[in-house]
């Protein structure tokens, strides 16, 4: 398989949704990977530019978190972006 066909199929984790509470009730919060130039609509050009800066978002609370915290979350939904 050529290296170009491999990179066409690579995905990176971009968001994690976590649910707190019980079935039928509770609260959702999200972890979102952001890039320094997140205003840009340009796709990620390489693996090197796929930065791993994460935000935790819950209602009106937003804070930076480590990748370890994201990976330790009890994920309800995972979202991936093509690299």
PDB file of N, CA and C in Angstrom:
ATOM      1  N   UNK A   1       0.857  -1.174   0.000  1.00  0.00           N
ATOM      2  CA  UNK A   1       0.000   0.000   0.000  1.00  0.00           C
ATOM      3  C   UNK A   1       0.901   1.233   0.000  1.00  0.00           C
ATOM      4  N   UNK A   2       0.604   2.198  -0.827  1.00  0.00           N
ATOM      5  CA  UNK A   2       1.441   3.398  -0.896  1.00  0.00           C
ATOM      6  C   UNK A   2       1.195   4.298   0.296  1.00  0.00           C
ATOM      7  N   UNK A   3       2.204   5.127   0.606  1.00  0.00           N
ATOM      8  CA  UNK A   3       2.065   6.017   1.765  1.00  0.00           C
ATOM      9  C   UNK A   3       0.963   7.042   1.554  1.00  0.00           C
ATOM     10  N   UNK A   4       0.707   7.448   0.295  1.00  0.00           N
ATOM     11  CA  UNK A   4      -0.366   8.424   0.063  1.00  0.00           C
ATOM     12  C   UNK A   4      -1.733   7.816   0.334  1.00  0.00           C
ATOM     13  N   UNK A   5      -1.932   6.523   0.036  1.00  0.00           N
ATOM     14  CA  UNK A   5      -3.225   5.912   0.325  1.00  0.00           C
ATOM     15  C   UNK A   5      -3.408   5.694   1.824  1.00  0.00           C
ATOM     16  N   UNK A   6      -2.306   5.516   2.576  1.00  0.00           N
ATOM     17  CA  UNK A   6      -2.414   5.402   4.025  1.00  0.00           C
ATOM     18  C   UNK A   6      -2.823   6.723   4.656  1.00  0.00           C
ATOM     19  N   UNK A   7      -2.237   7.831   4.219  1.00  0.00           N
ATOM     20  CA  UNK A   7      -2.568   9.119   4.826  1.00  0.00           C
ATOM     21  C   UNK A   7      -3.966   9.577   4.464  1.00  0.00           C
ATOM     22  N   UNK A   8      -4.516   9.071   3.375  1.00  0.00           N
ATOM     23  CA  UNK A   8      -5.892   9.414   3.010  1.00  0.00           C
ATOM     24  C   UNK A   8      -6.896   8.818   3.990  1.00  0.00           C
ATOM     25  N   UNK A   9      -6.455   7.829   4.773  1.00  0.00           N
ATOM     26  CA  UNK A   9      -7.365   7.129   5.670  1.00  0.00           C
ATOM     27  C   UNK A   9      -7.023   7.346   7.136  1.00  0.00           C
ATOM     28  N   UNK A  10      -6.190   8.327   7.442  1.00  0.00           N
ATOM     29  CA  UNK A  10      -5.840   8.601   8.829  1.00  0.00           C
ATOM     30  C   UNK A  10      -6.833   9.594   9.436  1.00  0.00           C
ATOM     31  N   UNK A  11      -7.209   9.318  10.671  1.00  0.00           N
ATOM     32  CA  UNK A  11      -8.134  10.182  11.395  1.00  0.00           C
ATOM     33  C   UNK A  11      -7.531  10.499  12.757  1.00  0.00           C
ATOM     34  N   UNK A  12      -7.880  11.647  13.281  1.00  0.00           N
ATOM     35  CA  UNK A  12      -7.444  12.031  14.605  1.00  0.00           C
ATOM     36  C   UNK A  12      -8.645  12.356  15.471  1.00  0.00           C
ATOM     37  N   UNK A  13      -8.552  12.009  16.737  1.00  0.00           N
ATOM     38  CA  UNK A  13      -9.634  12.310  17.674  1.00  0.00           C
ATOM     39  C   UNK A  13      -9.775  13.817  17.805  1.00  0.00           C
ATOM     40  N   UNK A  14     -10.979  14.335  17.612  1.00  0.00           N
ATOM     41  CA  UNK A  14     -11.191  15.781  17.673  1.00  0.00           C
ATOM     42  C   UNK A  14     -12.100  16.203  18.819  1.00  0.00           C
ATOM     43  N   UNK A  15     -13.025  15.327  19.241  1.00  0.00           N
ATOM     44  CA  UNK A  15     -13.941  15.680  20.336  1.00  0.00           C
ATOM     45  C   UNK A  15     -14.371  14.423  21.080  1.00  0.00           C
ATOM     46  N   UNK A  16     -14.623  14.610  22.365  1.00  0.00           N
ATOM     47  CA  UNK A  16     -15.126  13.540  23.220  1.00  0.00           C
ATOM     48  C   UNK A  16     -16.290  14.121  24.011  1.00  0.00           C
ATOM     49  N   UNK A  17     -17.415  13.423  23.991  1.00  0.00           N
ATOM     50  CA  UNK A  17     -18.580  13.847  24.775  1.00  0.00           C
ATOM     51  C   UNK A  17     -18.730  12.877  25.937  1.00  0.00           C
ATOM     52  N   UNK A  18     -18.943  13.446  27.109  1.00  0.00           N
ATOM     53  CA  UNK A  18     -19.077  12.652  28.330  1.00  0.00           C
ATOM     54  C   UNK A  18     -20.425  12.968  28.971  1.00  0.00           C
ATOM     55  N   UNK A  19     -21.102  11.945  29.493  1.00  0.00           N
ATOM     56  CA  UNK A  19     -22.392  12.124  30.158  1.00  0.00           C
ATOM     57  C   UNK A  19     -22.233  11.840  31.648  1.00  0.00           C
ATOM     58  N   UNK A  20     -22.760  12.742  32.454  1.00  0.00           N
ATOM     59  CA  UNK A  20     -22.765  12.572  33.911  1.00  0.00           C
ATOM     60  C   UNK A  20     -24.207  12.363  34.336  1.00  0.00           C
ATOM     61  N   UNK A  21     -24.459  11.381  35.148  1.00  0.00           N
ATOM     62  CA  UNK A  21     -25.811  11.170  35.644  1.00  0.00           C
ATOM     63  C   UNK A  21     -26.336   9.802  35.267  1.00  0.00           C
ATOM     64  N   UNK A  22     -27.648   9.695  35.182  1.00  0.00           N
ATOM     65  CA  UNK A  22     -28.305   8.427  34.896  1.00  0.00           C
ATOM     66  C   UNK A  22     -29.037   8.512  33.566  1.00  0.00           C
ATOM     67  N   UNK A  23     -29.441   7.352  33.075  1.00  0.00           N
ATOM     68  CA  UNK A  23     -30.220   7.297  31.832  1.00  0.00           C
ATOM     69  C   UNK A  23     -31.516   8.099  32.011  1.00  0.00           C
ATOM     70  N   UNK A  24     -31.794   8.987  31.102  1.00  0.00           N
ATOM     71  CA  UNK A  24     -32.986   9.824  31.197  1.00  0.00           C
ATOM     72  C   UNK A  24     -32.755  11.126  31.942  1.00  0.00           C
ATOM     73  N   UNK A  25     -31.584  11.329  32.486  1.00  0.00           N
ATOM     74  CA  UNK A  25     -31.279  12.559  33.201  1.00  0.00           C
ATOM     75  C   UNK A  25     -29.791  12.712  33.394  1.00  0.00           C
ATOM     76  N   UNK A  26     -29.361  13.918  33.585  1.00  0.00           N
ATOM     77  CA  UNK A  26     -27.945  14.156  33.808  1.00  0.00           C
ATOM     78  C   UNK A  26     -27.451  15.352  33.017  1.00  0.00           C
ATOM     79  N   UNK A  27     -26.187  15.311  32.689  1.00  0.00           N
ATOM     80  CA  UNK A  27     -25.539  16.467  32.065  1.00  0.00           C
ATOM     81  C   UNK A  27     -24.485  15.988  31.076  1.00  0.00           C
ATOM     82  N   UNK A  28     -24.365  16.691  29.956  1.00  0.00           N
ATOM     83  CA  UNK A  28     -23.330  16.404  28.967  1.00  0.00           C
ATOM     84  C   UNK A  28     -22.255  17.479  29.014  1.00  0.00           C
ATOM     85  N   UNK A  29     -21.024  17.067  28.829  1.00  0.00           N
ATOM     86  CA  UNK A  29     -19.894  17.992  28.702  1.00  0.00           C
ATOM     87  C   UNK A  29     -19.021  17.466  27.562  1.00  0.00           C
ATOM     88  N   UNK A  30     -18.189  18.324  27.012  1.00  0.00           N
ATOM     89  CA  UNK A  30     -17.367  17.924  25.867  1.00  0.00           C
ATOM     90  C   UNK A  30     -15.923  18.348  26.042  1.00  0.00           C
ATOM     91  N   UNK A  31     -15.051  17.549  25.478  1.00  0.00           N
ATOM     92  CA  UNK A  31     -13.642  17.885  25.330  1.00  0.00           C
ATOM     93  C   UNK A  31     -13.431  18.113  23.838  1.00  0.00           C
ATOM     94  N   UNK A  32     -12.747  19.195  23.487  1.00  0.00           N
ATOM     95  CA  UNK A  32     -12.561  19.530  22.068  1.00  0.00           C
ATOM     96  C   UNK A  32     -11.109  19.877  21.806  1.00  0.00           C
ATOM     97  N   UNK A  33     -10.532  19.240  20.778  1.00  0.00           N
ATOM     98  CA  UNK A  33      -9.171  19.574  20.360  1.00  0.00           C
ATOM     99  C   UNK A  33      -9.232  20.863  19.559  1.00  0.00           C
ATOM    100  N   UNK A  34      -8.343  21.779  19.880  1.00  0.00           N
ATOM    101  CA  UNK A  34      -8.284  23.056  19.170  1.00  0.00           C
ATOM    102  C   UNK A  34      -6.862  23.277  18.670  1.00  0.00           C
ATOM    103  N   UNK A  35      -6.743  24.081  17.645  1.00  0.00           N
ATOM    104  CA  UNK A  35      -5.437  24.451  17.112  1.00  0.00           C
ATOM    105  C   UNK A  35      -5.238  25.942  17.325  1.00  0.00           C
ATOM    106  N   UNK A  36      -4.004  26.402  17.362  1.00  0.00           N
ATOM    107  CA  UNK A  36      -3.756  27.831  17.587  1.00  0.00           C
ATOM    108  C   UNK A  36      -4.444  28.733  16.572  1.00  0.00           C
ATOM    109  N   UNK A  37      -4.596  28.289  15.337  1.00  0.00           N
ATOM    110  CA  UNK A  37      -5.269  29.099  14.321  1.00  0.00           C
ATOM    111  C   UNK A  37      -6.630  28.501  13.994  1.00  0.00           C
ATOM    112  N   UNK A  38      -7.449  28.256  15.005  1.00  0.00           N
ATOM    113  CA  UNK A  38      -8.731  27.582  14.834  1.00  0.00           C
ATOM    114  C   UNK A  38      -9.735  28.407  14.036  1.00  0.00           C
ATOM    115  N   UNK A  39      -9.434  29.697  13.740  1.00  0.00           N
ATOM    116  CA  UNK A  39     -10.316  30.498  12.901  1.00  0.00           C
ATOM    117  C   UNK A  39     -10.214  30.082  11.439  1.00  0.00           C
ATOM    118  N   UNK A  40      -9.139  29.408  11.088  1.00  0.00           N
ATOM    119  CA  UNK A  40      -8.883  29.024   9.706  1.00  0.00           C
ATOM    120  C   UNK A  40      -9.773  27.864   9.297  1.00  0.00           C
ATOM    121  N   UNK A  41     -10.251  27.892   8.062  1.00  0.00           N
ATOM    122  CA  UNK A  41     -11.036  26.790   7.516  1.00  0.00           C
ATOM    123  C   UNK A  41     -10.172  25.823   6.723  1.00  0.00           C
ATOM    124  N   UNK A  42      -8.859  26.004   6.766  1.00  0.00           N
ATOM    125  CA  UNK A  42      -7.955  25.143   6.028  1.00  0.00           C
ATOM    126  C   UNK A  42      -7.835  23.803   6.733  1.00  0.00           C
ATOM    127  N   UNK A  43      -7.809  22.685   5.959  1.00  0.00           N
ATOM    128  CA  UNK A  43      -7.659  21.372   6.586  1.00  0.00           C
ATOM    129  C   UNK A  43      -6.268  21.196   7.161  1.00  0.00           C
ATOM    130  N   UNK A  44      -6.136  20.247   8.065  1.00  0.00           N
ATOM    131  CA  UNK A  44      -4.841  19.926   8.648  1.00  0.00           C
ATOM    132  C   UNK A  44      -3.961  19.373   7.537  1.00  0.00           C
ATOM    133  N   UNK A  45      -2.745  19.913   7.381  1.00  0.00           N
ATOM    134  CA  UNK A  45      -1.878  19.527   6.276  1.00  0.00           C
ATOM    135  C   UNK A  45      -0.993  18.334   6.573  1.00  0.00           C
ATOM    136  N   UNK A  46      -0.643  18.100   7.808  1.00  0.00           N
ATOM    137  CA  UNK A  46       0.256  16.999   8.128  1.00  0.00           C
ATOM    138  C   UNK A  46       0.039  16.550   9.563  1.00  0.00           C
ATOM    139  N   UNK A  47       0.590  15.397   9.875  1.00  0.00           N
ATOM    140  CA  UNK A  47       0.494  14.910  11.251  1.00  0.00           C
ATOM    141  C   UNK A  47       1.201  15.837  12.220  1.00  0.00           C
ATOM    142  N   UNK A  48       2.280  16.468  11.762  1.00  0.00           N
ATOM    143  CA  UNK A  48       3.036  17.373  12.630  1.00  0.00           C
ATOM    144  C   UNK A  48       2.204  18.574  13.040  1.00  0.00           C
ATOM    145  N   UNK A  49       1.288  19.003  12.161  1.00  0.00           N
ATOM    146  CA  UNK A  49       0.476  20.181  12.489  1.00  0.00           C
ATOM    147  C   UNK A  49      -0.784  19.812  13.264  1.00  0.00           C
ATOM    148  N   UNK A  50      -1.007  18.515  13.516  1.00  0.00           N
ATOM    149  CA  UNK A  50      -2.180  18.072  14.269  1.00  0.00           C
ATOM    150  C   UNK A  50      -1.879  18.219  15.753  1.00  0.00           C
ATOM    151  N   UNK A  51      -2.043  19.421  16.259  1.00  0.00           N
ATOM    152  CA  UNK A  51      -1.693  19.723  17.652  1.00  0.00           C
ATOM    153  C   UNK A  51      -2.714  19.136  18.599  1.00  0.00           C
ATOM    154  N   UNK A  52      -2.282  18.900  19.800  1.00  0.00           N
ATOM    155  CA  UNK A  52      -3.146  18.281  20.795  1.00  0.00           C
ATOM    156  C   UNK A  52      -3.360  19.215  21.968  1.00  0.00           C
ATOM    157  N   UNK A  53      -3.973  20.320  21.716  1.00  0.00           N
ATOM    158  CA  UNK A  53      -4.387  21.245  22.768  1.00  0.00           C
ATOM    159  C   UNK A  53      -5.875  21.016  22.957  1.00  0.00           C
ATOM    160  N   UNK A  54      -6.282  20.753  24.192  1.00  0.00           N
ATOM    161  CA  UNK A  54      -7.662  20.365  24.469  1.00  0.00           C
ATOM    162  C   UNK A  54      -8.367  21.358  25.385  1.00  0.00           C
ATOM    163  N   UNK A  55      -9.658  21.533  25.133  1.00  0.00           N
ATOM    164  CA  UNK A  55     -10.530  22.342  25.977  1.00  0.00           C
ATOM    165  C   UNK A  55     -11.632  21.450  26.549  1.00  0.00           C
ATOM    166  N   UNK A  56     -12.021  21.737  27.781  1.00  0.00           N
ATOM    167  CA  UNK A  56     -13.172  21.103  28.408  1.00  0.00           C
ATOM    168  C   UNK A  56     -14.286  22.141  28.405  1.00  0.00           C
ATOM    169  N   UNK A  57     -15.462  21.772  27.891  1.00  0.00           N
ATOM    170  CA  UNK A  57     -16.580  22.707  27.770  1.00  0.00           C
ATOM    171  C   UNK A  57     -17.802  22.117  28.457  1.00  0.00           C
ATOM    172  N   UNK A  58     -18.337  22.848  29.440  1.00  0.00           N
ATOM    173  CA  UNK A  58     -19.530  22.427  30.146  1.00  0.00           C
ATOM    174  C   UNK A  58     -20.337  23.667  30.504  1.00  0.00           C
ATOM    175  N   UNK A  59     -21.465  23.837  29.830  1.00  0.00           N
ATOM    176  CA  UNK A  59     -22.307  25.030  29.986  1.00  0.00           C
ATOM    177  C   UNK A  59     -21.456  26.283  29.789  1.00  0.00           C
ATOM    178  N   UNK A  60     -21.313  27.099  30.815  1.00  0.00           N
ATOM    179  CA  UNK A  60     -20.551  28.351  30.659  1.00  0.00           C
ATOM    180  C   UNK A  60     -19.111  28.218  31.147  1.00  0.00           C
ATOM    181  N   UNK A  61     -18.670  26.996  31.443  1.00  0.00           N
ATOM    182  CA  UNK A  61     -17.312  26.759  31.934  1.00  0.00           C
ATOM    183  C   UNK A  61     -16.443  26.194  30.811  1.00  0.00           C
ATOM    184  N   UNK A  62     -15.334  26.857  30.506  1.00  0.00           N
ATOM    185  CA  UNK A  62     -14.370  26.387  29.515  1.00  0.00           C
ATOM    186  C   UNK A  62     -12.983  26.466  30.136  1.00  0.00           C
ATOM    187  N   UNK A  63     -12.220  25.364  30.031  1.00  0.00           N
ATOM    188  CA  UNK A  63     -10.868  25.375  30.579  1.00  0.00           C
ATOM    189  C   UNK A  63      -9.958  24.469  29.744  1.00  0.00           C
ATOM    190  N   UNK A  64      -8.664  24.747  29.791  1.00  0.00           N
ATOM    191  CA  UNK A  64      -7.678  23.887  29.151  1.00  0.00           C
ATOM    192  C   UNK A  64      -7.492  22.641  30.010  1.00  0.00           C
ATOM    193  N   UNK A  65      -7.367  21.489  29.351  1.00  0.00           N
ATOM    194  CA  UNK A  65      -7.119  20.228  30.050  1.00  0.00           C
ATOM    195  C   UNK A  65      -6.011  19.472  29.320  1.00  0.00           C
ATOM    196  N   UNK A  66      -5.443  18.515  29.998  1.00  0.00           N
ATOM    197  CA  UNK A  66      -4.386  17.708  29.397  1.00  0.00           C
ATOM    198  C   UNK A  66      -5.000  16.604  28.534  1.00  0.00           C
ATOM    199  N   UNK A  67      -4.186  16.081  27.636  1.00  0.00           N
ATOM    200  CA  UNK A  67      -4.638  14.959  26.812  1.00  0.00           C
ATOM    201  C   UNK A  67      -4.936  13.742  27.688  1.00  0.00           C
ATOM    202  N   UNK A  68      -4.205  13.588  28.773  1.00  0.00           N
ATOM    203  CA  UNK A  68      -4.453  12.474  29.705  1.00  0.00           C
ATOM    204  C   UNK A  68      -5.868  12.537  30.277  1.00  0.00           C
ATOM    205  N   UNK A  69      -6.328  13.748  30.615  1.00  0.00           N
ATOM    206  CA  UNK A  69      -7.686  13.908  31.137  1.00  0.00           C
ATOM    207  C   UNK A  69      -8.721  13.518  30.084  1.00  0.00           C
ATOM    208  N   UNK A  70      -8.462  13.888  28.841  1.00  0.00           N
ATOM    209  CA  UNK A  70      -9.386  13.549  27.754  1.00  0.00           C
ATOM    210  C   UNK A  70      -9.455  12.039  27.576  1.00  0.00           C
ATOM    211  N   UNK A  71      -8.304  11.398  27.546  1.00  0.00           N
ATOM    212  CA  UNK A  71      -8.263   9.954  27.336  1.00  0.00           C
ATOM    213  C   UNK A  71      -8.826   9.165  28.516  1.00  0.00           C
ATOM    214  N   UNK A  72      -8.878   9.780  29.693  1.00  0.00           N
ATOM    215  CA  UNK A  72      -9.434   9.128  30.877  1.00  0.00           C
ATOM    216  C   UNK A  72     -10.948   9.330  30.997  1.00  0.00           C
ATOM    217  N   UNK A  73     -11.518  10.170  30.153  1.00  0.00           N
ATOM    218  CA  UNK A  73     -12.953  10.452  30.218  1.00  0.00           C
ATOM    219  C   UNK A  73     -13.760   9.190  29.913  1.00  0.00           C
ATOM    220  N   UNK A  74     -14.930   9.091  30.517  1.00  0.00           N
ATOM    221  CA  UNK A  74     -15.852   7.996  30.205  1.00  0.00           C
ATOM    222  C   UNK A  74     -16.698   8.445  29.025  1.00  0.00           C
ATOM    223  N   UNK A  75     -16.181   8.198  27.841  1.00  0.00           N
ATOM    224  CA  UNK A  75     -16.759   8.736  26.617  1.00  0.00           C
ATOM    225  C   UNK A  75     -18.124   8.141  26.293  1.00  0.00           C
ATOM    226  N   UNK A  76     -19.043   9.025  25.917  1.00  0.00           N
ATOM    227  CA  UNK A  76     -20.344   8.626  25.392  1.00  0.00           C
ATOM    228  C   UNK A  76     -20.297   8.667  23.868  1.00  0.00           C
ATOM    229  N   UNK A  77     -19.655   9.685  23.323  1.00  0.00           N
ATOM    230  CA  UNK A  77     -19.472   9.847  21.871  1.00  0.00           C
ATOM    231  C   UNK A  77     -18.044  10.259  21.580  1.00  0.00           C
ATOM    232  N   UNK A  78     -17.512   9.770  20.478  1.00  0.00           N
ATOM    233  CA  UNK A  78     -16.186  10.175  20.002  1.00  0.00           C
ATOM    234  C   UNK A  78     -16.335  10.736  18.596  1.00  0.00           C
ATOM    235  N   UNK A  79     -15.658  11.833  18.318  1.00  0.00           N
ATOM    236  CA  UNK A  79     -15.683  12.442  16.983  1.00  0.00           C
ATOM    237  C   UNK A  79     -14.270  12.473  16.439  1.00  0.00           C
ATOM    238  N   UNK A  80     -14.124  12.118  15.180  1.00  0.00           N
ATOM    239  CA  UNK A  80     -12.824  12.093  14.516  1.00  0.00           C
ATOM    240  C   UNK A  80     -12.849  12.997  13.289  1.00  0.00           C
ATOM    241  N   UNK A  81     -11.677  13.547  12.958  1.00  0.00           N
ATOM    242  CA  UNK A  81     -11.514  14.358  11.750  1.00  0.00           C
ATOM    243  C   UNK A  81     -10.476  13.676  10.875  1.00  0.00           C
ATOM    244  N   UNK A  82     -10.712  13.709   9.581  1.00  0.00           N
ATOM    245  CA  UNK A  82      -9.727  13.153   8.642  1.00  0.00           C
ATOM    246  C   UNK A  82      -8.516  14.052   8.617  1.00  0.00           C
ATOM    247  N   UNK A  83      -7.335  13.460   8.681  1.00  0.00           N
ATOM    248  CA  UNK A  83      -6.078  14.220   8.637  1.00  0.00           C
ATOM    249  C   UNK A  83      -5.677  14.477   7.204  1.00  0.00           C
TER     250      UNK A  83
END
